[in-house]
């Protein structure tokens, strides 16, 4: 078996002292923050803002995706200089009709 490390993404674990408080993922090619999660007990403590600012500076990040209804995250990103440009994310659900048709074919 052979393994190859992904050169396009960087997985980051976020620690406060010895305690893991979150995780992030950077898309290196597109200079994008592709995922950020600050664990519940550590939210609303300015940690997310500091992480976004640090990662933006360290990796030269220029963009990110955020769900349009995630107001807390949008607030953090805007404090770090990001701005909303266009709504391009949609929640899509598979229709019950299609599910039934798929099951009938099996």
Protein backbone atom coordinates (compact mmCIF):
# COMPACT_ATOMS: atom_id res chain seq x y z
CA UNK A 1 0.00 0.00 0.00
CA UNK A 2 1.21 3.50 -0.81
CA UNK A 3 0.16 6.84 0.68
CA UNK A 4 0.66 10.30 -0.71
CA UNK A 5 0.31 13.43 1.36
CA UNK A 6 -2.08 15.98 -0.07
CA UNK A 7 -0.12 19.01 -1.24
CA UNK A 8 -3.22 21.12 -1.85
CA UNK A 9 -4.66 21.25 1.67
CA UNK A 10 -3.25 21.79 5.12
CA UNK A 11 -5.11 20.41 8.13
CA UNK A 12 -4.57 22.50 11.26
CA UNK A 13 -5.38 21.68 14.87
CA UNK A 14 -5.90 24.74 17.07
CA UNK A 15 -4.63 24.66 20.65
CA UNK A 16 -4.95 27.05 23.57
CA UNK A 17 -2.10 25.91 25.79
CA UNK A 18 -2.39 22.11 25.80
CA UNK A 19 -6.13 22.11 25.05
CA UNK A 20 -7.40 21.53 21.52
CA UNK A 21 -10.04 24.19 20.90
CA UNK A 22 -10.72 23.76 17.19
CA UNK A 23 -9.65 22.76 13.70
CA UNK A 24 -9.10 24.44 10.37
CA UNK A 25 -8.30 23.49 6.82
CA UNK A 26 -6.46 25.63 4.30
CA UNK A 27 -6.72 25.24 0.52
CA UNK A 28 -3.12 26.17 -0.32
CA UNK A 29 -3.58 26.45 -4.09
CA UNK A 30 -6.57 28.82 -3.89
CA UNK A 31 -5.41 30.63 -0.72
CA UNK A 32 -8.74 29.78 0.87
CA UNK A 33 -9.85 29.04 4.40
CA UNK A 34 -11.91 25.99 3.49
CA UNK A 35 -12.99 24.96 7.00
CA UNK A 36 -12.91 26.42 10.50
CA UNK A 37 -14.43 24.95 13.62
CA UNK A 38 -13.99 26.38 17.10
CA UNK A 39 -15.43 23.97 19.64
CA UNK A 40 -18.52 25.13 21.55
CA UNK A 41 -16.93 25.85 24.97
CA UNK A 42 -14.38 28.16 23.30
CA UNK A 43 -16.73 30.16 21.08
CA UNK A 44 -17.44 33.84 21.80
CA UNK A 45 -13.99 34.29 23.36
CA UNK A 46 -12.35 36.02 20.36
CA UNK A 47 -10.46 32.81 19.50
CA UNK A 48 -12.04 32.50 16.04
CA UNK A 49 -11.16 36.09 15.20
CA UNK A 50 -7.55 35.56 16.25
CA UNK A 51 -7.30 32.28 14.31
CA UNK A 52 -8.72 33.83 11.12
CA UNK A 53 -6.37 36.81 11.41
CA UNK A 54 -3.34 34.58 12.06
CA UNK A 55 -4.10 32.10 9.27
CA UNK A 56 -4.91 34.88 6.81
CA UNK A 57 -1.53 36.46 7.48
CA UNK A 58 0.49 33.22 7.60
CA UNK A 59 -0.96 31.64 4.45
CA UNK A 60 -1.87 34.80 2.49
CA UNK A 61 -5.54 33.80 2.44
CA UNK A 62 -7.79 35.81 0.16
CA UNK A 63 -11.19 34.10 0.30
CA UNK A 64 -13.44 31.61 2.07
CA UNK A 65 -16.89 30.08 1.96
CA UNK A 66 -19.47 30.58 4.68
CA UNK A 67 -23.12 29.58 4.88
CA UNK A 68 -25.30 32.64 4.35
CA UNK A 69 -27.21 31.98 7.59
CA UNK A 70 -24.09 31.66 9.78
CA UNK A 71 -24.21 35.19 11.18
CA UNK A 72 -21.63 34.58 13.92
CA UNK A 73 -19.04 33.34 11.44
CA UNK A 74 -19.81 36.16 9.00
CA UNK A 75 -19.25 38.66 11.83
CA UNK A 76 -15.85 37.10 12.62
CA UNK A 77 -14.77 37.09 8.98
CA UNK A 78 -15.88 40.69 8.46
CA UNK A 79 -13.84 41.76 11.51
CA UNK A 80 -10.82 40.23 9.75
CA UNK A 81 -11.37 42.17 6.52
CA UNK A 82 -13.45 39.72 4.48
CA UNK A 83 -16.62 40.87 2.78
CA UNK A 84 -19.61 39.14 1.25
CA UNK A 85 -19.45 39.12 -2.53
CA UNK A 86 -22.26 36.93 -3.85
CA UNK A 87 -24.58 34.20 -2.60
CA UNK A 88 -23.46 31.00 -4.26
CA UNK A 89 -24.16 28.27 -1.71
CA UNK A 90 -27.48 26.48 -1.67
CA UNK A 91 -28.86 23.72 0.50
CA UNK A 92 -30.06 21.01 -1.84
CA UNK A 93 -32.18 18.10 -0.72
CA UNK A 94 -33.00 15.04 -2.72
CA UNK A 95 -36.69 14.91 -3.58
CA UNK A 96 -38.84 12.13 -2.19
CA UNK A 97 -40.06 11.42 -5.72
CA UNK A 98 -36.51 10.80 -6.95
CA UNK A 99 -35.71 8.62 -3.94
CA UNK A 100 -38.75 6.46 -4.67
CA UNK A 101 -37.81 6.12 -8.35
CA UNK A 102 -34.25 5.12 -7.42
CA UNK A 103 -35.47 2.47 -4.99
CA UNK A 104 -37.84 1.01 -7.61
CA UNK A 105 -34.90 0.46 -9.99
CA UNK A 106 -32.99 -1.63 -7.46
